[in-house]
Amino acid sequence: MYPWLTASWQHWLQAFNAGRLAHGWLITGPAGLGQSWLTEQMIRAFLCLQPTAQGACGVCHACRLQQSGHHPDLVLTGDNADKSIGIDPIRELIQRLNSTPQQGAGKVALIADAGRLTEPAANALLKTLEEPAGRSLLLLTCDTPAHLLPTLRSRCQRLELQVPSSEQALAWLHQQPGGAAATAWHLRLNQGAPLRVLDYLQQNDDAKRQQVLQTLQQSLTTAAALPQLVDALHAAGPTARDWLHWLLLDALKLQAGCDSSLLTMPDASTICSRLATLPASRLIALQQALLAEEESETAFPTSMPQLHLLNWCTLLLTEVKHVSC
């Protein structure tokens, strides 16, 4: 068990053992805290034929089915993280929940990243959340609860996962393979989520970030480096946009008088100082433009996704050049 999830797991387990489990649970918190591990423990305990005070027994037929990934009374929705969750998979989920359990313990439905539910899909789910058929458990995970309909949130018992302290997170990371180099600023760079930091270090993403910073530094000096910057951002994947957001926020921090040691990326203080010469209003506008480009890329994908990055990078360099002149 991840140490920062102990309190959340015990809270749910107490309700389960007392027989007063809510039908619907909304598990919220930043990605990288172990939501999938927690929901898996909930599912195993609920479907177990001989649950103990600590959760699933791990040896009954239902537990073995769950461990093999073939439990017939478990419905998983939202596996494709790149698409919204429409009404058809929700209707199928409801239909399966209304059927008789094959193992007898009940039925469980998990909707991953429920913030992607379309409004018709969310509305179709309301009645089932309020009055599910038989012994049913509905689990919804969502990084940003504000993306859910208020009526949907109100029908769920909410379990908010807390970001651990830096001390707790680093103590855990330093015991993991590949996590010995973790630092406090790695946590800041990854929203304080230990699992994101571990993945960042194990995948050697810092080398990609350094490449982005290097080409960005060159681009601020000469526009000829712009194609290399776009290529570096594209090669780094979606995380690269997070780095751009942090750079802009760090520039705003410098304008507010913060010490460079408090920056999310203190090793990019030279770039942040250059960006801090822009008016705060323009830095905020660049943040908004970056978000708009991300939304545009999602809504209107092209065969050349670098075009969206090129648009924003050109805007950034134009702003910097204007101030320099």
C-alpha atoms as a PDB file:
ATOM      1  CA  MET A   1       0.000   0.000   0.000  1.00  0.00           C
ATOM      2  CA  TYR A   2       1.202   3.498  -0.780  1.00  0.00           C
ATOM      3  CA  PRO A   3       1.638   5.158   2.643  1.00  0.00           C
ATOM      4  CA  TRP A   4      -0.237   8.328   1.660  1.00  0.00           C
ATOM      5  CA  LEU A   5      -3.338   6.254   0.769  1.00  0.00           C
ATOM      6  CA  THR A   6      -3.649   4.514   4.130  1.00  0.00           C
ATOM      7  CA  ALA A   7      -6.191   6.978   5.558  1.00  0.00           C
ATOM      8  CA  SER A   8      -8.382   6.916   2.428  1.00  0.00           C
ATOM      9  CA  TRP A   9      -8.354   3.111   2.261  1.00  0.00           C
ATOM     10  CA  GLN A  10      -9.182   2.776   5.955  1.00  0.00           C
ATOM     11  CA  HIS A  11     -12.058   5.271   5.604  1.00  0.00           C
ATOM     12  CA  TRP A  12     -13.622   3.230   2.785  1.00  0.00           C
ATOM     13  CA  LEU A  13     -12.894  -0.081   4.475  1.00  0.00           C
ATOM     14  CA  GLN A  14     -14.559   1.058   7.687  1.00  0.00           C
ATOM     15  CA  ALA A  15     -17.766   1.860   5.812  1.00  0.00           C
ATOM     16  CA  PHE A  16     -17.545  -1.476   3.961  1.00  0.00           C
ATOM     17  CA  ASN A  17     -17.057  -3.514   7.150  1.00  0.00           C
ATOM     18  CA  ALA A  18     -19.904  -1.661   8.874  1.00  0.00           C
ATOM     19  CA  GLY A  19     -22.298  -2.452   6.019  1.00  0.00           C
ATOM     20  CA  ARG A  20     -23.041   1.200   5.288  1.00  0.00           C
ATOM     21  CA  LEU A  21     -21.262   1.559   1.973  1.00  0.00           C
ATOM     22  CA  ALA A  22     -22.653   4.203  -0.379  1.00  0.00           C
ATOM     23  CA  HIS A  23     -23.693   3.007  -3.851  1.00  0.00           C
ATOM     24  CA  GLY A  24     -21.527   5.541  -5.645  1.00  0.00           C
ATOM     25  CA  TRP A  25     -18.018   6.748  -4.810  1.00  0.00           C
ATOM     26  CA  LEU A  26     -16.124   9.577  -6.473  1.00  0.00           C
ATOM     27  CA  ILE A  27     -12.359   9.244  -6.023  1.00  0.00           C
ATOM     28  CA  THR A  28     -10.607  12.529  -6.721  1.00  0.00           C
ATOM     29  CA  GLY A  29      -7.058  13.832  -6.599  1.00  0.00           C
ATOM     30  CA  PRO A  30      -4.154  14.614  -8.950  1.00  0.00           C
ATOM     31  CA  ALA A  31      -2.986  11.849 -11.252  1.00  0.00           C
ATOM     32  CA  GLY A  32      -0.069   9.897  -9.883  1.00  0.00           C
ATOM     33  CA  LEU A  33      -1.342   9.245  -6.365  1.00  0.00           C
ATOM     34  CA  GLY A  34      -2.400   5.639  -6.977  1.00  0.00           C
ATOM     35  CA  GLN A  35      -6.098   5.954  -7.770  1.00  0.00           C
ATOM     36  CA  SER A  36      -6.041   2.752  -9.817  1.00  0.00           C
ATOM     37  CA  TRP A  37      -4.476   0.795  -6.943  1.00  0.00           C
ATOM     38  CA  LEU A  38      -7.110   2.094  -4.522  1.00  0.00           C
ATOM     39  CA  THR A  39     -10.069   1.328  -6.777  1.00  0.00           C
ATOM     40  CA  GLU A  40      -8.674  -2.158  -7.408  1.00  0.00           C
ATOM     41  CA  GLN A  41      -8.638  -2.837  -3.656  1.00  0.00           C
ATOM     42  CA  MET A  42     -12.230  -1.584  -3.358  1.00  0.00           C
ATOM     43  CA  ILE A  43     -13.359  -3.808  -6.232  1.00  0.00           C
ATOM     44  CA  ARG A  44     -11.629  -6.875  -4.824  1.00  0.00           C
ATOM     45  CA  ALA A  45     -13.140  -6.379  -1.370  1.00  0.00           C
ATOM     46  CA  PHE A  46     -16.655  -5.816  -2.732  1.00  0.00           C
ATOM     47  CA  LEU A  47     -16.616  -8.831  -5.048  1.00  0.00           C
ATOM     48  CA  CYS A  48     -14.858 -11.155  -2.592  1.00  0.00           C
ATOM     49  CA  LEU A  49     -16.994 -14.077  -1.417  1.00  0.00           C
ATOM     50  CA  GLN A  50     -15.219 -14.241   1.965  1.00  0.00           C
ATOM     51  CA  PRO A  51     -14.006 -10.697   2.756  1.00  0.00           C
ATOM     52  CA  THR A  52     -11.935 -10.092   5.879  1.00  0.00           C
ATOM     53  CA  ALA A  53     -11.661  -7.007   8.061  1.00  0.00           C
ATOM     54  CA  GLN A  54      -8.638  -6.002   5.949  1.00  0.00           C
ATOM     55  CA  GLY A  55     -10.402  -6.407   2.592  1.00  0.00           C
ATOM     56  CA  ALA A  56     -10.480  -9.209   0.032  1.00  0.00           C
ATOM     57  CA  CYS A  57      -9.395 -12.680   1.119  1.00  0.00           C
ATOM     58  CA  GLY A  58      -7.361 -13.135  -2.068  1.00  0.00           C
ATOM     59  CA  VAL A  59      -8.026 -16.883  -2.341  1.00  0.00           C
ATOM     60  CA  CYS A  60     -11.724 -17.381  -3.142  1.00  0.00           C
ATOM     61  CA  HIS A  61     -12.952 -18.044  -6.674  1.00  0.00           C
ATOM     62  CA  ALA A  62     -14.112 -14.409  -7.090  1.00  0.00           C
ATOM     63  CA  CYS A  63     -10.708 -13.082  -6.019  1.00  0.00           C
ATOM     64  CA  ARG A  64      -8.933 -15.375  -8.456  1.00  0.00           C
ATOM     65  CA  LEU A  65     -11.228 -14.230 -11.269  1.00  0.00           C
ATOM     66  CA  GLN A  66     -10.552 -10.603 -10.370  1.00  0.00           C
ATOM     67  CA  GLN A  67      -6.793 -11.165 -10.265  1.00  0.00           C
ATOM     68  CA  SER A  68      -6.885 -12.759 -13.706  1.00  0.00           C
ATOM     69  CA  GLY A  69      -8.908  -9.856 -15.085  1.00  0.00           C
ATOM     70  CA  HIS A  70     -11.918 -11.994 -16.023  1.00  0.00           C
ATOM     71  CA  HIS A  71     -14.524 -11.339 -13.336  1.00  0.00           C
ATOM     72  CA  PRO A  72     -17.954 -11.364 -15.061  1.00  0.00           C
ATOM     73  CA  ASP A  73     -19.533  -8.973 -12.533  1.00  0.00           C
ATOM     74  CA  LEU A  74     -17.034  -6.157 -13.107  1.00  0.00           C
ATOM     75  CA  VAL A  75     -17.795  -3.483 -15.724  1.00  0.00           C
ATOM     76  CA  LEU A  76     -14.934  -1.215 -16.815  1.00  0.00           C
ATOM     77  CA  THR A  77     -15.655   1.967 -18.759  1.00  0.00           C
ATOM     78  CA  GLY A  78     -13.375   4.753 -19.917  1.00  0.00           C
ATOM     79  CA  ASP A  79     -10.280   2.720 -20.782  1.00  0.00           C
ATOM     80  CA  ASN A  80      -9.596   4.840 -23.876  1.00  0.00           C
ATOM     81  CA  ALA A  81      -8.151   7.970 -22.286  1.00  0.00           C
ATOM     82  CA  ASP A  82      -8.108   9.858 -25.603  1.00  0.00           C
ATOM     83  CA  LYS A  83     -11.876   9.901 -26.091  1.00  0.00           C
ATOM     84  CA  SER A  84     -14.923  11.251 -24.325  1.00  0.00           C
ATOM     85  CA  ILE A  85     -17.289   8.759 -22.700  1.00  0.00           C
ATOM     86  CA  GLY A  86     -20.559   8.829 -24.607  1.00  0.00           C
ATOM     87  CA  ILE A  87     -24.007   7.558 -23.791  1.00  0.00           C
ATOM     88  CA  ASP A  88     -23.665   4.139 -25.495  1.00  0.00           C
ATOM     89  CA  PRO A  89     -21.047   2.682 -23.114  1.00  0.00           C
ATOM     90  CA  ILE A  90     -23.017   4.087 -20.167  1.00  0.00           C
ATOM     91  CA  ARG A  91     -26.186   2.395 -21.387  1.00  0.00           C
ATOM     92  CA  GLU A  92     -24.261  -0.857 -21.687  1.00  0.00           C
ATOM     93  CA  LEU A  93     -22.905  -0.351 -18.158  1.00  0.00           C
ATOM     94  CA  ILE A  94     -26.422   0.191 -16.793  1.00  0.00           C
ATOM     95  CA  GLN A  95     -27.735  -2.866 -18.603  1.00  0.00           C
ATOM     96  CA  ARG A  96     -25.002  -5.062 -17.132  1.00  0.00           C
ATOM     97  CA  LEU A  97     -25.576  -3.675 -13.630  1.00  0.00           C
ATOM     98  CA  ASN A  98     -29.270  -4.537 -13.962  1.00  0.00           C
ATOM     99  CA  SER A  99     -28.504  -8.172 -14.766  1.00  0.00           C
ATOM    100  CA  THR A 100     -28.152 -10.911 -12.148  1.00  0.00           C
ATOM    101  CA  PRO A 101     -24.640 -11.295 -10.686  1.00  0.00           C
ATOM    102  CA  GLN A 102     -22.926 -14.477 -11.882  1.00  0.00           C
ATOM    103  CA  GLN A 103     -20.830 -14.878  -8.737  1.00  0.00           C
ATOM    104  CA  GLY A 104     -23.409 -13.759  -6.175  1.00  0.00           C
ATOM    105  CA  ALA A 105     -21.474 -11.037  -4.351  1.00  0.00           C
ATOM    106  CA  GLY A 106     -22.873  -8.204  -6.435  1.00  0.00           C
ATOM    107  CA  LYS A 107     -21.741  -6.033  -9.326  1.00  0.00           C
ATOM    108  CA  VAL A 108     -19.153  -3.281  -9.665  1.00  0.00           C
ATOM    109  CA  ALA A 109     -18.789  -0.615 -12.336  1.00  0.00           C
ATOM    110  CA  LEU A 110     -15.656   1.522 -12.654  1.00  0.00           C
ATOM    111  CA  ILE A 111     -15.693   4.685 -14.767  1.00  0.00           C
ATOM    112  CA  ALA A 112     -12.119   5.868 -15.219  1.00  0.00           C
ATOM    113  CA  ASP A 113     -11.535   9.597 -15.667  1.00  0.00           C
ATOM    114  CA  ALA A 114     -15.249  10.365 -15.360  1.00  0.00           C
ATOM    115  CA  GLY A 115     -14.618  14.002 -16.254  1.00  0.00           C
ATOM    116  CA  ARG A 116     -14.765  12.809 -19.876  1.00  0.00           C
ATOM    117  CA  LEU A 117     -18.446  11.873 -19.567  1.00  0.00           C
ATOM    118  CA  THR A 118     -20.595  13.734 -22.058  1.00  0.00           C
ATOM    119  CA  GLU A 119     -23.621  15.499 -20.611  1.00  0.00           C
ATOM    120  CA  PRO A 120     -26.117  12.943 -22.028  1.00  0.00           C
ATOM    121  CA  ALA A 121     -23.974  10.112 -20.618  1.00  0.00           C
ATOM    122  CA  ALA A 122     -23.778  11.756 -17.206  1.00  0.00           C
ATOM    123  CA  ASN A 123     -27.531  12.347 -17.129  1.00  0.00           C
ATOM    124  CA  ALA A 124     -28.189   8.728 -18.105  1.00  0.00           C
ATOM    125  CA  LEU A 125     -26.109   7.619 -15.123  1.00  0.00           C
ATOM    126  CA  LEU A 126     -27.986   9.659 -12.493  1.00  0.00           C
ATOM    127  CA  LYS A 127     -30.864   7.254 -11.821  1.00  0.00           C
ATOM    128  CA  THR A 128     -28.525   4.273 -11.540  1.00  0.00           C
ATOM    129  CA  LEU A 129     -26.333   6.141  -9.063  1.00  0.00           C
ATOM    130  CA  GLU A 130     -29.384   6.964  -6.967  1.00  0.00           C
ATOM    131  CA  GLU A 131     -31.108   3.566  -7.147  1.00  0.00           C
ATOM    132  CA  PRO A 132     -28.783   0.848  -8.501  1.00  0.00           C
ATOM    133  CA  ALA A 133     -30.159  -2.620  -9.079  1.00  0.00           C
ATOM    134  CA  GLY A 134     -29.370  -5.183  -6.400  1.00  0.00           C
ATOM    135  CA  ARG A 135     -26.067  -4.997  -4.579  1.00  0.00           C
ATOM    136  CA  SER A 136     -24.068  -2.659  -6.790  1.00  0.00           C
ATOM    137  CA  LEU A 137     -21.052  -0.407  -6.395  1.00  0.00           C
ATOM    138  CA  LEU A 138     -20.190   2.387  -8.812  1.00  0.00           C
ATOM    139  CA  LEU A 139     -16.698   3.892  -8.667  1.00  0.00           C
ATOM    140  CA  LEU A 140     -15.819   7.071 -10.548  1.00  0.00           C
ATOM    141  CA  THR A 141     -12.310   8.496 -10.702  1.00  0.00           C
ATOM    142  CA  CYS A 142     -11.709  12.089 -11.705  1.00  0.00           C
ATOM    143  CA  ASP A 143      -8.691  14.392 -11.429  1.00  0.00           C
ATOM    144  CA  THR A 144     -10.870  17.501 -11.793  1.00  0.00           C
ATOM    145  CA  PRO A 145     -14.306  17.097 -10.117  1.00  0.00           C
ATOM    146  CA  ALA A 146     -15.428  20.470 -11.472  1.00  0.00           C
ATOM    147  CA  HIS A 147     -15.681  18.795 -14.890  1.00  0.00           C
ATOM    148  CA  LEU A 148     -18.538  16.628 -13.582  1.00  0.00           C
ATOM    149  CA  LEU A 149     -22.169  17.684 -13.442  1.00  0.00           C
ATOM    150  CA  PRO A 150     -23.116  18.921  -9.938  1.00  0.00           C
ATOM    151  CA  THR A 151     -26.022  16.458  -9.934  1.00  0.00           C
ATOM    152  CA  LEU A 152     -23.568  13.625 -10.545  1.00  0.00           C
ATOM    153  CA  ARG A 153     -21.206  14.745  -7.798  1.00  0.00           C
ATOM    154  CA  SER A 154     -24.065  15.067  -5.325  1.00  0.00           C
ATOM    155  CA  ARG A 155     -25.052  11.410  -5.782  1.00  0.00           C
ATOM    156  CA  CYS A 156     -21.595  10.097  -4.870  1.00  0.00           C
ATOM    157  CA  GLN A 157     -19.734   9.725  -1.629  1.00  0.00           C
ATOM    158  CA  ARG A 158     -16.543  11.658  -2.207  1.00  0.00           C
ATOM    159  CA  LEU A 159     -13.103  10.337  -1.354  1.00  0.00           C
ATOM    160  CA  GLU A 160     -10.439  13.018  -1.862  1.00  0.00           C
ATOM    161  CA  LEU A 161      -6.904  11.694  -2.111  1.00  0.00           C
ATOM    162  CA  GLN A 162      -4.402  14.042  -0.505  1.00  0.00           C
ATOM    163  CA  VAL A 163      -0.985  14.884  -1.920  1.00  0.00           C
ATOM    164  CA  PRO A 164       1.587  13.614   0.592  1.00  0.00           C
ATOM    165  CA  SER A 165       4.118  15.869   2.280  1.00  0.00           C
ATOM    166  CA  SER A 166       7.469  16.230   0.548  1.00  0.00           C
ATOM    167  CA  GLU A 167       9.089  14.305   3.386  1.00  0.00           C
ATOM    168  CA  GLN A 168       6.734  11.337   3.073  1.00  0.00           C
ATOM    169  CA  ALA A 169       6.883  11.316  -0.726  1.00  0.00           C
ATOM    170  CA  LEU A 170      10.683  11.526  -0.886  1.00  0.00           C
ATOM    171  CA  ALA A 171      11.117   8.855   1.805  1.00  0.00           C
ATOM    172  CA  TRP A 172       9.015   6.499  -0.327  1.00  0.00           C
ATOM    173  CA  LEU A 173      10.655   7.476  -3.622  1.00  0.00           C
ATOM    174  CA  HIS A 174      14.175   6.939  -2.307  1.00  0.00           C
ATOM    175  CA  GLN A 175      13.264   3.323  -1.566  1.00  0.00           C
ATOM    176  CA  GLN A 176      12.014   2.618  -5.097  1.00  0.00           C
ATOM    177  CA  PRO A 177      14.143   1.359  -8.019  1.00  0.00           C
ATOM    178  CA  GLY A 178      15.041   4.412 -10.066  1.00  0.00           C
ATOM    179  CA  GLY A 179      13.778   6.863  -7.451  1.00  0.00           C
ATOM    180  CA  ALA A 180      16.973   7.530  -5.481  1.00  0.00           C
ATOM    181  CA  ALA A 181      17.627  10.799  -7.335  1.00  0.00           C
ATOM    182  CA  ALA A 182      14.205  12.293  -6.510  1.00  0.00           C
ATOM    183  CA  THR A 183      14.260  15.816  -5.089  1.00  0.00           C
ATOM    184  CA  ALA A 184      11.707  18.305  -3.802  1.00  0.00           C
ATOM    185  CA  TRP A 185      11.717  20.184  -7.081  1.00  0.00           C
ATOM    186  CA  HIS A 186      10.969  16.942  -8.943  1.00  0.00           C
ATOM    187  CA  LEU A 187       7.834  16.810  -6.815  1.00  0.00           C
ATOM    188  CA  ARG A 188       6.949  20.416  -7.657  1.00  0.00           C
ATOM    189  CA  LEU A 189       7.474  19.611 -11.321  1.00  0.00           C
ATOM    190  CA  ASN A 190       5.002  16.705 -11.074  1.00  0.00           C
ATOM    191  CA  GLN A 191       2.277  18.256  -8.894  1.00  0.00           C
ATOM    192  CA  GLY A 192       3.551  16.528  -5.770  1.00  0.00           C
ATOM    193  CA  ALA A 193       2.462  13.105  -7.075  1.00  0.00           C
ATOM    194  CA  PRO A 194       5.063  10.444  -6.160  1.00  0.00           C
ATOM    195  CA  LEU A 195       4.075   7.997  -8.896  1.00  0.00           C
ATOM    196  CA  ARG A 196       4.443  10.703 -11.532  1.00  0.00           C
ATOM    197  CA  VAL A 197       7.894  11.544 -10.194  1.00  0.00           C
ATOM    198  CA  LEU A 198       8.926   7.890 -10.260  1.00  0.00           C
ATOM    199  CA  ASP A 199       7.739   7.500 -13.846  1.00  0.00           C
ATOM    200  CA  TYR A 200       9.484  10.772 -14.778  1.00  0.00           C
ATOM    201  CA  LEU A 201      12.789   9.471 -13.422  1.00  0.00           C
ATOM    202  CA  GLN A 202      12.473   5.908 -14.716  1.00  0.00           C
ATOM    203  CA  GLN A 203      11.565   7.083 -18.227  1.00  0.00           C
ATOM    204  CA  ASN A 204      14.488   9.523 -18.233  1.00  0.00           C
ATOM    205  CA  ASP A 205      12.118  12.380 -19.026  1.00  0.00           C
ATOM    206  CA  ASP A 206      14.565  14.857 -17.540  1.00  0.00           C
ATOM    207  CA  ALA A 207      16.807  14.414 -20.578  1.00  0.00           C
ATOM    208  CA  LYS A 208      13.871  15.371 -22.805  1.00  0.00           C
ATOM    209  CA  ARG A 209      13.135  18.378 -20.595  1.00  0.00           C
ATOM    210  CA  GLN A 210      16.762  19.484 -20.778  1.00  0.00           C
ATOM    211  CA  GLN A 211      16.592  19.244 -24.573  1.00  0.00           C
ATOM    212  CA  VAL A 212      13.470  21.409 -24.594  1.00  0.00           C
ATOM    213  CA  LEU A 213      15.130  23.999 -22.341  1.00  0.00           C
ATOM    214  CA  GLN A 214      18.260  24.047 -24.470  1.00  0.00           C
ATOM    215  CA  THR A 215      16.401  24.577 -27.737  1.00  0.00           C
ATOM    216  CA  LEU A 216      14.118  27.157 -26.109  1.00  0.00           C
ATOM    217  CA  GLN A 217      17.166  29.095 -24.930  1.00  0.00           C
ATOM    218  CA  GLN A 218      18.538  29.014 -28.471  1.00  0.00           C
ATOM    219  CA  SER A 219      15.186  30.086 -29.925  1.00  0.00           C
ATOM    220  CA  LEU A 220      15.076  33.116 -27.656  1.00  0.00           C
ATOM    221  CA  THR A 221      18.363  34.181 -29.249  1.00  0.00           C
ATOM    222  CA  THR A 222      17.759  33.205 -32.865  1.00  0.00           C
ATOM    223  CA  ALA A 223      14.511  32.389 -34.652  1.00  0.00           C
ATOM    224  CA  ALA A 224      16.423  29.854 -36.767  1.00  0.00           C
ATOM    225  CA  ALA A 225      16.200  27.412 -33.842  1.00  0.00           C
ATOM    226  CA  LEU A 226      12.393  27.453 -33.869  1.00  0.00           C
ATOM    227  CA  PRO A 227      12.004  24.180 -35.857  1.00  0.00           C
ATOM    228  CA  GLN A 228      14.305  22.391 -33.388  1.00  0.00           C
ATOM    229  CA  LEU A 229      12.241  23.716 -30.488  1.00  0.00           C
ATOM    230  CA  VAL A 230       9.004  22.422 -32.001  1.00  0.00           C
ATOM    231  CA  ASP A 231      10.604  19.036 -32.691  1.00  0.00           C
ATOM    232  CA  ALA A 232      11.910  18.799 -29.104  1.00  0.00           C
ATOM    233  CA  LEU A 233       8.495  19.663 -27.663  1.00  0.00           C
ATOM    234  CA  HIS A 234       6.753  17.162 -29.897  1.00  0.00           C
ATOM    235  CA  ALA A 235       9.267  14.420 -29.045  1.00  0.00           C
ATOM    236  CA  ALA A 236       8.738  15.004 -25.315  1.00  0.00           C
ATOM    237  CA  GLY A 237       5.001  14.352 -25.617  1.00  0.00           C
ATOM    238  CA  PRO A 238       2.086  15.964 -23.719  1.00  0.00           C
ATOM    239  CA  THR A 239       4.230  16.524 -20.616  1.00  0.00           C
ATOM    240  CA  ALA A 240       6.187  19.167 -22.512  1.00  0.00           C
ATOM    241  CA  ARG A 241       3.190  21.485 -22.348  1.00  0.00           C
ATOM    242  CA  ASP A 242       3.257  21.194 -18.568  1.00  0.00           C
ATOM    243  CA  TRP A 243       6.870  22.376 -18.646  1.00  0.00           C
ATOM    244  CA  LEU A 244       5.871  25.401 -20.714  1.00  0.00           C
ATOM    245  CA  HIS A 245       3.133  26.238 -18.218  1.00  0.00           C
ATOM    246  CA  TRP A 246       5.626  25.986 -15.351  1.00  0.00           C
ATOM    247  CA  LEU A 247       8.073  28.292 -17.142  1.00  0.00           C
ATOM    248  CA  LEU A 248       5.412  30.963 -17.538  1.00  0.00           C
ATOM    249  CA  LEU A 249       4.323  30.583 -13.919  1.00  0.00           C
ATOM    250  CA  ASP A 250       7.947  30.761 -12.769  1.00  0.00           C
ATOM    251  CA  ALA A 251       8.347  33.999 -14.719  1.00  0.00           C
ATOM    252  CA  LEU A 252       5.341  35.407 -12.865  1.00  0.00           C
ATOM    253  CA  LYS A 253       6.923  34.278  -9.574  1.00  0.00           C
ATOM    254  CA  LEU A 254      10.095  36.175 -10.399  1.00  0.00           C
ATOM    255  CA  GLN A 255       8.054  39.277 -11.168  1.00  0.00           C
ATOM    256  CA  ALA A 256       6.416  38.906  -7.750  1.00  0.00           C
ATOM    257  CA  GLY A 257       9.832  38.861  -6.083  1.00  0.00           C
ATOM    258  CA  CYS A 258      10.132  35.133  -5.338  1.00  0.00           C
ATOM    259  CA  ASP A 259      13.591  33.687  -4.883  1.00  0.00           C
ATOM    260  CA  SER A 260      14.820  31.474  -7.728  1.00  0.00           C
ATOM    261  CA  SER A 261      15.042  28.520  -5.299  1.00  0.00           C
ATOM    262  CA  LEU A 262      11.228  28.561  -5.126  1.00  0.00           C
ATOM    263  CA  LEU A 263      10.812  28.109  -8.865  1.00  0.00           C
ATOM    264  CA  THR A 264       9.307  24.885 -10.140  1.00  0.00           C
ATOM    265  CA  MET A 265      12.254  24.616 -12.523  1.00  0.00           C
ATOM    266  CA  PRO A 266      15.162  26.366 -10.793  1.00  0.00           C
ATOM    267  CA  ASP A 267      17.582  25.044 -13.435  1.00  0.00           C
ATOM    268  CA  ALA A 268      15.749  27.189 -16.015  1.00  0.00           C
ATOM    269  CA  SER A 269      16.124  30.460 -14.108  1.00  0.00           C
ATOM    270  CA  THR A 270      17.891  32.144 -17.060  1.00  0.00           C
ATOM    271  CA  ILE A 271      14.958  31.448 -19.377  1.00  0.00           C
ATOM    272  CA  CYS A 272      12.466  32.469 -16.686  1.00  0.00           C
ATOM    273  CA  SER A 273      14.313  35.749 -16.141  1.00  0.00           C
ATOM    274  CA  ARG A 274      14.066  36.468 -19.862  1.00  0.00           C
ATOM    275  CA  LEU A 275      10.354  35.674 -19.868  1.00  0.00           C
ATOM    276  CA  ALA A 276       9.873  37.817 -16.760  1.00  0.00           C
ATOM    277  CA  THR A 277      10.695  40.867 -18.881  1.00  0.00           C
ATOM    278  CA  LEU A 278       7.270  40.449 -20.484  1.00  0.00           C
ATOM    279  CA  PRO A 279       4.348  42.245 -18.829  1.00  0.00           C
ATOM    280  CA  ALA A 280       2.353  40.003 -16.494  1.00  0.00           C
ATOM    281  CA  SER A 281      -0.679  40.460 -18.730  1.00  0.00           C
ATOM    282  CA  ARG A 282       1.220  39.000 -21.678  1.00  0.00           C
ATOM    283  CA  LEU A 283       2.472  36.030 -19.633  1.00  0.00           C
ATOM    284  CA  ILE A 284      -1.102  35.285 -18.626  1.00  0.00           C
ATOM    285  CA  ALA A 285      -2.209  35.677 -22.243  1.00  0.00           C
ATOM    286  CA  LEU A 286       0.467  33.171 -23.282  1.00  0.00           C
ATOM    287  CA  GLN A 287      -0.858  30.743 -20.663  1.00  0.00           C
ATOM    288  CA  GLN A 288      -4.348  31.113 -22.076  1.00  0.00           C
ATOM    289  CA  ALA A 289      -3.084  30.726 -25.643  1.00  0.00           C
ATOM    290  CA  LEU A 290      -1.274  27.518 -24.696  1.00  0.00           C
ATOM    291  CA  LEU A 291      -4.464  26.109 -23.190  1.00  0.00           C
ATOM    292  CA  ALA A 292      -6.369  27.130 -26.321  1.00  0.00           C
ATOM    293  CA  GLU A 293      -3.835  25.332 -28.534  1.00  0.00           C
ATOM    294  CA  GLU A 294      -4.185  22.187 -26.413  1.00  0.00           C
ATOM    295  CA  GLU A 295      -7.970  22.314 -26.728  1.00  0.00           C
ATOM    296  CA  SER A 296      -7.709  22.955 -30.452  1.00  0.00           C
ATOM    297  CA  GLU A 297      -5.390  19.979 -30.910  1.00  0.00           C
ATOM    298  CA  THR A 298      -7.882  17.764 -29.064  1.00  0.00           C
ATOM    299  CA  ALA A 299     -10.911  19.067 -30.955  1.00  0.00           C
ATOM    300  CA  PHE A 300      -9.246  19.311 -34.381  1.00  0.00           C
ATOM    301  CA  PRO A 301      -6.430  16.752 -34.620  1.00  0.00           C
ATOM    302  CA  THR A 302      -4.266  17.004 -37.717  1.00  0.00           C
ATOM    303  CA  SER A 303      -1.749  14.745 -39.398  1.00  0.00           C
ATOM    304  CA  MET A 304       0.886  17.220 -38.209  1.00  0.00           C
ATOM    305  CA  PRO A 305       0.300  17.932 -34.496  1.00  0.00           C
ATOM    306  CA  GLN A 306       3.473  20.038 -34.481  1.00  0.00           C
ATOM    307  CA  LEU A 307       1.437  22.798 -36.154  1.00  0.00           C
ATOM    308  CA  HIS A 308      -0.304  23.586 -32.864  1.00  0.00           C
ATOM    309  CA  LEU A 309       3.046  23.799 -31.092  1.00  0.00           C
ATOM    310  CA  LEU A 310       4.462  25.928 -33.902  1.00  0.00           C
ATOM    311  CA  ASN A 311       1.615  28.432 -33.569  1.00  0.00           C
ATOM    312  CA  TRP A 312       2.219  28.900 -29.870  1.00  0.00           C
ATOM    313  CA  CYS A 313       6.022  28.986 -30.065  1.00  0.00           C
ATOM    314  CA  THR A 314       5.837  31.614 -32.793  1.00  0.00           C
ATOM    315  CA  LEU A 315       3.569  33.710 -30.560  1.00  0.00           C
ATOM    316  CA  LEU A 316       5.987  33.342 -27.634  1.00  0.00           C
ATOM    317  CA  LEU A 317       9.042  34.386 -29.648  1.00  0.00           C
ATOM    318  CA  THR A 318       7.137  37.302 -31.173  1.00  0.00           C
ATOM    319  CA  GLU A 319       6.276  38.567 -27.676  1.00  0.00           C
ATOM    320  CA  VAL A 320       9.876  38.242 -26.474  1.00  0.00           C
ATOM    321  CA  LYS A 321      11.265  39.942 -29.595  1.00  0.00           C
ATOM    322  CA  HIS A 322       8.772  42.800 -29.212  1.00  0.00           C
ATOM    323  CA  VAL A 323       9.941  43.495 -25.649  1.00  0.00           C
ATOM    324  CA  SER A 324      13.623  43.215 -26.650  1.00  0.00           C
ATOM    325  CA  CYS A 325      13.105  45.813 -29.342  1.00  0.00           C
END
